[in-house]
Amino acid sequence: MKTILLIEDNDVIRENTAEILELAGYAVLTAENGKVGVEKALSTKPDLVVCDIMMPVLDGYGVLHIFNQHPHLAGVPFIFLTAKTERTDLRRGMELGADDYLTKPFEETELLSAISSRLHRFGKLQADYDLRAPEGLGNFLDDAAAAGQLRDLTIDRRPHSLRKKQEVYAEGDEPTRLYFVQTGRVKTVRRTPGGKELITGVYGPGEFFGYLPLLEQGPHADTALVLDDATLLYIPKADFMALLHRNAAVGQQFVRLLAGRVSEREEQLLGMAYGSIRRRVADTLLRLHEQAGAAPEATIQLSRDDMAAVVGTAPESLIRTLSEFKQSGLIELTSHGIKLLRPEKLRQPNW
C-alpha cells in the first residue's frame, strides 16, 4: 500500500481529502502545517506528498526545499495544492521541482488521477537494461531522471572519440567522472614496484569503468588506456553521486549495473592469487569471449603481452598454455585472434 503525506492547514479540506485517499486504497499521513509534515516524513517516508502552499509556520515552498535538500526525502513526488492561480506562483513551484499543481477547489478525479500518474512515473524503472544496445545507457538515464526525480542530471551525452593507445586518465589523477564504453575497448593498468605491468581490467561496449575512486573518494589507483579506437560517454561525478544516493530505487538499479564488474574483479584477483596458470588462462579466455559477444564465431583480439598482463603471468607461460589448449582442441589460433571451440570444457573446475 502506497503512503501519501497530506499537508493542509484547512481542517475541513484536510479531513475530506484524507477520506478520499483512504477510500482509494492509500495509507494517509496528515499534517496541519509544513513543519509537522516534514517531521512526519522524516519518521515515515511517504511515497508521494500532497501539500498546500500558503500555510503557517512553514509554507509549501519551504517544505519542498527541505525535501530537495534532505538525502532521505529527495526525489519523493510532490503535488502542490493552492487557491492561487497566478502564473508566477505556478512557475515558482515548478522551478523548485514540484511534479504537479492542483488548484482548489478540485474534483476527486483530478486529485486521484494526478497521484496515480506520478506514482506510475515514479515506478518506471525497468527490471534490467541492455547496456550493450546503443540506446541502453540513455534509456536508463532517462528512466532514472523520471523515476527518481533527478531533474538536474547532465543532459549533454555527447560521445567522445579516443584513439588507440590514448590515455583516459593516469594513476594518481583525481576522479572527476564515470566512464561508459560505447564502442571499442579500454584497459586499466597498474605497475608493480618491480616495473611489471598488470592489467586490472578490459572494458568493452556496455561497460562502466573508473567508479571505484569515485566511491572511495580517492585518486585513481591505475591508468586507463584505449586498446582499440573507442567511443566513451562521460557521466560527471555529481551525476554519479545523484544516481547512487538521491533515490533508493534508482541507486539499487545503478549498483546492479555496476556490480558485475566488481565481482568479476574480485574473482580475477582471487584466481591470480590461488589459481593455476591453466585455470587463470581459461578464465581470462572465457571473460574475453563473453565480452566479444559469446557467439561461436566470436574472436578474441588481444595481444599476447596484454593477455599475459591480464592473466598475471609471463608472455612465455601464456603462449605455452595456449599451445596446450590448441593441442587439446579447446581453442583455435588464427591470424585474427583466438576462437573458443569448446568453452564448456574451459569452464570445468578440474584444471
Protein backbone atom coordinates (compact mmCIF):
# COMPACT_ATOMS: atom_id res chain seq x y z
CA MET A 1 0.00 0.00 0.00
CA LYS A 2 1.36 3.40 -1.02
CA THR A 3 1.63 6.09 1.63
CA ILE A 4 0.51 9.65 0.89
CA LEU A 5 1.54 12.57 3.10
CA LEU A 6 -1.17 15.26 3.05
CA ILE A 7 -0.10 18.67 4.36
CA GLU A 8 -3.01 21.12 4.58
CA ASP A 9 -3.82 23.76 7.21
CA ASN A 10 -7.57 23.86 6.49
CA ASP A 11 -9.16 21.25 8.76
CA VAL A 12 -12.17 20.57 6.52
CA ILE A 13 -10.14 20.21 3.32
CA ARG A 14 -7.55 18.05 5.09
CA GLU A 15 -10.14 15.67 6.57
CA ASN A 16 -12.19 15.39 3.37
CA THR A 17 -9.12 14.84 1.16
CA ALA A 18 -7.70 12.24 3.56
CA GLU A 19 -11.00 10.35 3.45
CA ILE A 20 -10.96 10.35 -0.37
CA LEU A 21 -7.41 9.00 -0.42
CA GLU A 22 -8.16 6.28 2.13
CA LEU A 23 -11.20 5.16 0.14
CA ALA A 24 -8.95 4.95 -2.92
CA GLY A 25 -6.73 2.48 -1.09
CA TYR A 26 -3.88 4.69 0.11
CA ALA A 27 -2.39 4.91 3.58
CA VAL A 28 -2.59 8.57 4.59
CA LEU A 29 -0.45 10.68 6.92
CA THR A 30 -1.83 14.15 7.67
CA ALA A 31 -0.21 17.33 8.93
CA GLU A 32 -1.67 20.75 9.68
CA ASN A 33 1.43 22.73 8.65
CA GLY A 34 4.73 22.29 6.86
CA LYS A 35 6.84 21.81 9.97
CA VAL A 36 4.70 18.92 11.22
CA GLY A 37 4.64 17.49 7.68
CA VAL A 38 8.44 17.39 7.44
CA GLU A 39 8.68 15.77 10.88
CA LYS A 40 6.23 13.04 9.82
CA ALA A 41 8.06 12.48 6.55
CA LEU A 42 11.34 12.01 8.39
CA SER A 43 9.67 9.49 10.68
CA THR A 44 7.83 7.62 7.88
CA LYS A 45 8.99 8.29 4.33
CA PRO A 46 5.95 8.79 2.08
CA ASP A 47 5.62 7.59 -1.50
CA LEU A 48 4.11 10.94 -2.52
CA VAL A 49 3.31 14.33 -0.95
CA VAL A 50 0.20 16.44 -1.48
CA CYS A 51 0.94 19.85 0.01
CA ASP A 52 -0.81 23.21 0.33
CA ILE A 53 1.32 26.27 -0.40
CA MET A 54 0.01 29.02 1.90
CA MET A 55 0.38 27.67 5.45
CA PRO A 56 1.56 28.96 8.82
CA VAL A 57 4.91 28.03 10.41
CA LEU A 58 6.38 26.62 7.17
CA ASP A 59 4.76 27.09 3.75
CA GLY A 60 4.71 24.62 0.88
CA TYR A 61 7.74 26.12 -0.85
CA GLY A 62 9.74 25.66 2.34
CA VAL A 63 8.61 22.05 2.63
CA LEU A 64 9.66 21.27 -0.95
CA HIS A 65 13.02 22.98 -0.40
CA ILE A 66 13.70 20.78 2.65
CA PHE A 67 12.67 17.65 0.72
CA ASN A 68 15.04 18.54 -2.13
CA GLN A 69 17.96 19.09 0.24
CA HIS A 70 17.43 16.10 2.54
CA PRO A 71 19.04 12.84 1.26
CA HIS A 72 16.27 10.72 2.83
CA LEU A 73 13.45 12.71 1.20
CA ALA A 74 14.90 13.92 -2.11
CA GLY A 75 13.06 12.51 -5.11
CA VAL A 76 9.66 11.94 -3.44
CA PRO A 77 6.94 13.02 -5.94
CA PHE A 78 5.39 16.33 -4.86
CA ILE A 79 1.97 17.79 -5.77
CA PHE A 80 1.04 21.33 -4.73
CA LEU A 81 -2.48 22.38 -3.70
CA THR A 82 -3.30 26.08 -3.86
CA ALA A 83 -6.10 28.56 -4.29
CA LYS A 84 -3.70 30.91 -6.07
CA THR A 85 -3.62 30.72 -9.85
CA GLU A 86 -1.14 33.47 -10.74
CA ARG A 87 1.42 32.38 -13.30
CA THR A 88 4.34 33.45 -11.09
CA ASP A 89 3.20 31.06 -8.33
CA LEU A 90 2.84 28.20 -10.79
CA ARG A 91 6.28 28.88 -12.23
CA ARG A 92 7.94 29.16 -8.82
CA GLY A 93 6.56 25.79 -7.72
CA MET A 94 7.70 24.05 -10.89
CA GLU A 95 11.14 25.65 -10.74
CA LEU A 96 11.55 24.30 -7.22
CA GLY A 97 10.78 20.82 -8.53
CA ALA A 98 7.06 20.25 -7.96
CA ASP A 99 5.67 17.44 -10.10
CA ASP A 100 2.12 18.74 -10.45
CA TYR A 101 -0.17 21.58 -9.39
CA LEU A 102 -3.86 21.37 -8.42
CA THR A 103 -5.96 24.50 -7.92
CA LYS A 104 -8.57 24.43 -5.17
CA PRO A 105 -11.38 23.59 -5.41
CA PHE A 106 -10.53 20.42 -7.34
CA GLU A 107 -12.52 17.36 -8.36
CA GLU A 108 -11.83 14.00 -6.71
CA THR A 109 -10.94 12.51 -10.07
CA GLU A 110 -8.37 15.27 -10.69
CA LEU A 111 -6.61 14.51 -7.43
CA LEU A 112 -6.63 10.73 -7.84
CA SER A 113 -5.54 10.95 -11.48
CA ALA A 114 -2.61 13.22 -10.60
CA ILE A 115 -1.48 10.92 -7.79
CA SER A 116 -1.82 7.77 -9.90
CA SER A 117 0.12 9.36 -12.76
CA ARG A 118 3.00 10.47 -10.54
CA LEU A 119 3.27 7.13 -8.74
CA HIS A 120 3.27 5.30 -12.07
CA ARG A 121 6.03 7.55 -13.38
CA PHE A 122 7.98 7.08 -10.17
CA GLY A 123 7.96 3.30 -10.72
CA LYS A 124 9.11 3.45 -14.33
CA LEU A 125 12.50 1.76 -13.89
CA GLN A 126 12.83 -1.46 -15.87
CA ALA A 127 13.96 -4.71 -14.29
CA ASP A 128 17.08 -4.71 -16.47
CA TYR A 129 18.80 -2.66 -19.17
CA ASP A 130 20.82 -3.96 -22.10
CA LEU A 131 23.79 -1.63 -21.89
CA ARG A 132 25.35 -3.19 -24.98
CA ALA A 133 22.50 -1.79 -27.07
CA PRO A 134 23.18 1.72 -28.47
CA GLU A 135 20.26 3.22 -26.55
CA GLY A 136 20.75 1.18 -23.35
CA LEU A 137 22.51 3.76 -21.17
CA GLY A 138 20.32 6.57 -22.48
CA ASN A 139 17.18 4.62 -21.59
CA PHE A 140 18.45 4.03 -18.06
CA LEU A 141 19.38 7.69 -17.53
CA ASP A 142 16.03 8.88 -18.93
CA ASP A 143 14.10 6.47 -16.70
CA ALA A 144 16.27 7.35 -13.70
CA ALA A 145 15.65 11.06 -14.23
CA ALA A 146 11.89 10.45 -14.40
CA ALA A 147 11.52 7.79 -11.73
CA GLY A 148 13.94 9.35 -9.27
CA GLN A 149 13.04 12.97 -9.95
CA LEU A 150 16.67 13.63 -10.91
CA ARG A 151 15.94 16.69 -12.99
CA ASP A 152 19.47 18.04 -12.72
CA LEU A 153 21.20 15.09 -14.44
CA THR A 154 23.53 16.39 -17.13
CA ILE A 155 21.67 16.50 -20.45
CA ASP A 156 24.84 16.54 -22.58
CA ARG A 157 25.59 12.92 -23.56
CA ARG A 158 27.89 13.58 -26.49
CA PRO A 159 30.17 10.66 -27.36
CA HIS A 160 33.92 11.27 -27.07
CA SER A 161 36.15 9.56 -29.64
CA LEU A 162 39.57 8.37 -28.45
CA ARG A 163 42.38 6.84 -30.49
CA LYS A 164 44.23 3.60 -29.79
CA LYS A 165 46.84 3.95 -27.00
CA GLN A 166 45.36 7.29 -25.90
CA GLU A 167 45.37 7.81 -22.13
CA VAL A 168 41.96 8.30 -20.50
CA TYR A 169 43.33 9.02 -17.02
CA ALA A 170 46.57 8.35 -15.19
CA GLU A 171 47.35 6.73 -11.84
CA GLY A 172 47.16 9.41 -9.16
CA ASP A 173 44.67 11.62 -11.04
CA GLU A 174 41.68 12.89 -9.09
CA PRO A 175 38.44 11.27 -10.37
CA THR A 176 36.01 13.68 -11.99
CA ARG A 177 33.65 11.37 -13.87
CA LEU A 178 32.41 7.84 -14.54
CA TYR A 179 33.25 6.36 -17.95
CA PHE A 180 31.00 4.25 -20.17
CA VAL A 181 32.30 2.36 -23.22
CA GLN A 182 30.02 2.77 -26.20
CA THR A 183 32.37 1.24 -28.79
CA GLY A 184 35.91 -0.13 -28.74
CA ARG A 185 37.84 -1.30 -25.67
CA VAL A 186 39.77 0.24 -22.78
CA LYS A 187 42.26 -1.40 -20.43
CA THR A 188 43.21 -0.36 -16.92
CA VAL A 189 46.82 -0.94 -15.90
CA ARG A 190 48.86 -0.95 -12.71
CA ARG A 191 52.61 -1.34 -12.39
CA THR A 192 54.25 -3.33 -9.62
CA PRO A 193 57.22 -1.86 -7.69
CA GLY A 194 59.41 -4.00 -9.94
CA GLY A 195 58.01 -2.35 -13.06
CA LYS A 196 55.85 -5.28 -14.21
CA GLU A 197 52.59 -4.28 -15.89
CA LEU A 198 49.37 -5.81 -14.58
CA ILE A 199 46.11 -5.27 -16.47
CA THR A 200 43.37 -4.92 -13.86
CA GLY A 201 40.51 -4.80 -16.35
CA VAL A 202 39.49 -4.84 -20.01
CA TYR A 203 36.26 -2.97 -20.70
CA GLY A 204 34.15 -3.30 -23.83
CA PRO A 205 30.85 -1.92 -25.15
CA GLY A 206 28.18 -1.58 -22.49
CA GLU A 207 30.58 -1.47 -19.53
CA PHE A 208 31.44 1.20 -16.95
CA PHE A 209 34.89 1.89 -15.54
CA GLY A 210 36.54 4.41 -13.24
CA TYR A 211 33.93 4.20 -10.48
CA LEU A 212 35.96 2.79 -7.57
CA PRO A 213 37.89 6.02 -6.85
CA LEU A 214 34.59 7.93 -7.02
CA LEU A 215 33.20 5.62 -4.32
CA GLU A 216 36.39 5.69 -2.27
CA GLN A 217 36.82 9.46 -2.75
CA GLY A 218 40.49 8.98 -3.55
CA PRO A 219 42.77 9.22 -6.61
CA HIS A 220 42.83 6.69 -9.43
CA ALA A 221 44.89 3.65 -8.47
CA ASP A 222 45.53 2.64 -12.09
CA THR A 223 45.91 4.10 -15.57
CA ALA A 224 43.28 3.72 -18.31
CA LEU A 225 44.46 3.33 -21.91
CA VAL A 226 42.49 2.82 -25.11
CA LEU A 227 43.07 -0.67 -26.55
CA ASP A 228 41.14 -0.13 -29.78
CA ASP A 229 39.74 3.12 -31.16
CA ALA A 230 36.90 3.79 -28.73
CA THR A 231 33.87 5.97 -28.13
CA LEU A 232 33.22 6.87 -24.50
CA LEU A 233 30.40 8.62 -22.69
CA TYR A 234 31.20 10.67 -19.60
CA ILE A 235 28.98 10.82 -16.52
CA PRO A 236 30.13 13.68 -14.23
CA LYS A 237 30.88 12.92 -10.59
CA ALA A 238 27.84 14.91 -9.39
CA ASP A 239 25.52 12.84 -11.60
CA PHE A 240 27.18 9.61 -10.43
CA MET A 241 26.53 10.55 -6.80
CA ALA A 242 22.95 11.59 -7.57
CA LEU A 243 22.25 8.25 -9.26
CA LEU A 244 23.59 6.40 -6.24
CA HIS A 245 22.16 8.40 -3.35
CA ARG A 246 19.22 10.59 -4.32
CA ASN A 247 16.68 7.83 -4.83
CA ALA A 248 16.78 4.33 -3.34
CA ALA A 249 15.23 2.51 -6.33
CA VAL A 250 17.49 4.27 -8.84
CA GLY A 251 20.54 3.69 -6.64
CA GLN A 252 19.82 -0.03 -6.32
CA GLN A 253 19.37 -0.41 -10.08
CA PHE A 254 22.56 1.56 -10.76
CA VAL A 255 24.53 -0.60 -8.32
CA ARG A 256 23.25 -3.73 -10.11
CA LEU A 257 24.59 -2.34 -13.39
CA LEU A 258 28.00 -1.80 -11.79
CA ALA A 259 28.16 -4.86 -9.56
CA GLY A 260 29.02 -7.39 -12.25
CA ARG A 261 32.40 -5.82 -12.86
CA VAL A 262 33.16 -5.51 -9.14
CA SER A 263 32.50 -9.21 -8.52
CA GLU A 264 34.42 -10.13 -11.69
CA ARG A 265 37.43 -8.16 -10.49
CA GLU A 266 37.35 -9.91 -7.13
CA GLU A 267 37.26 -13.30 -8.89
CA GLN A 268 40.16 -12.25 -11.11
CA LEU A 269 42.30 -11.25 -8.11
CA LEU A 270 41.47 -14.47 -6.25
CA GLY A 271 42.31 -16.51 -9.33
CA MET A 272 45.64 -14.76 -9.73
CA ALA A 273 46.47 -15.44 -6.09
CA TYR A 274 45.38 -19.10 -5.89
CA GLY A 275 44.54 -20.44 -9.36
CA SER A 276 46.85 -22.49 -11.57
CA ILE A 277 48.15 -20.94 -14.77
CA ARG A 278 45.77 -23.12 -16.82
CA ARG A 279 42.80 -22.04 -14.69
CA ARG A 280 43.72 -18.36 -14.98
CA VAL A 281 44.19 -18.53 -18.74
CA ALA A 282 40.89 -20.41 -19.13
CA ASP A 283 39.01 -17.84 -17.02
CA THR A 284 40.56 -14.97 -18.96
CA LEU A 285 39.59 -16.53 -22.29
CA LEU A 286 36.02 -17.05 -21.09
CA ARG A 287 35.71 -13.44 -19.91
CA LEU A 288 37.11 -12.06 -23.16
CA HIS A 289 34.92 -14.43 -25.20
CA GLU A 290 31.83 -13.15 -23.41
CA GLN A 291 32.95 -9.58 -23.96
CA ALA A 292 33.36 -10.31 -27.69
CA GLY A 293 29.73 -11.44 -27.89
CA ALA A 294 29.96 -15.10 -26.76
CA ALA A 295 28.86 -16.32 -30.20
CA PRO A 296 30.59 -19.44 -31.65
CA GLU A 297 32.29 -17.31 -34.30
CA ALA A 298 33.41 -14.63 -31.81
CA THR A 299 37.14 -13.91 -31.98
CA ILE A 300 39.25 -12.70 -29.05
CA GLN A 301 41.57 -9.96 -30.25
CA LEU A 302 44.22 -9.09 -27.68
CA SER A 303 47.99 -9.03 -27.94
CA ARG A 304 49.88 -11.79 -26.13
CA ASP A 305 51.59 -9.21 -23.93
CA ASP A 306 48.25 -7.65 -22.92
CA MET A 307 46.65 -11.05 -22.33
CA ALA A 308 49.62 -12.12 -20.20
CA ALA A 309 49.20 -8.93 -18.15
CA VAL A 310 45.50 -9.74 -17.63
CA VAL A 311 46.34 -13.30 -16.53
CA GLY A 312 49.22 -12.13 -14.37
CA THR A 313 51.95 -14.28 -15.92
CA ALA A 314 54.88 -14.04 -18.31
CA PRO A 315 54.10 -14.00 -22.05
CA GLU A 316 56.12 -17.20 -22.47
CA SER A 317 53.91 -19.03 -19.93
CA LEU A 318 50.78 -17.74 -21.65
CA ILE A 319 51.96 -18.86 -25.10
CA ARG A 320 52.84 -22.32 -23.77
CA THR A 321 49.39 -22.69 -22.15
CA LEU A 322 47.59 -21.51 -25.29
CA SER A 323 49.52 -24.10 -27.31
CA GLU A 324 48.40 -26.81 -24.89
CA PHE A 325 44.79 -25.68 -25.25
CA LYS A 326 45.13 -25.74 -29.03
CA GLN A 327 46.55 -29.26 -29.00
CA SER A 328 43.62 -30.36 -26.80
CA GLY A 329 41.12 -28.96 -29.33
CA LEU A 330 39.83 -26.29 -26.95
CA ILE A 331 40.79 -23.21 -28.98
CA GLU A 332 41.80 -22.23 -32.49
CA LEU A 333 44.64 -19.75 -33.05
CA THR A 334 44.14 -17.66 -36.20
CA SER A 335 45.68 -14.56 -37.69
CA HIS A 336 42.67 -12.59 -36.42
CA GLY A 337 42.80 -13.85 -32.84
CA ILE A 338 41.59 -16.75 -30.69
CA LYS A 339 38.35 -18.72 -31.15
CA LEU A 340 36.94 -20.90 -28.39
CA LEU A 341 35.96 -24.29 -29.78
CA ARG A 342 34.86 -25.91 -26.51
CA PRO A 343 34.06 -23.18 -23.94
CA GLU A 344 32.13 -25.68 -21.80
CA LYS A 345 35.37 -27.64 -21.29
CA LEU A 346 37.20 -24.49 -20.21
CA ARG A 347 34.55 -23.90 -17.54
CA GLN A 348 35.20 -27.22 -15.85
CA PRO A 349 36.87 -26.76 -12.44
CA ASN A 350 39.43 -29.60 -12.69
CA TRP A 351 42.34 -27.66 -14.14
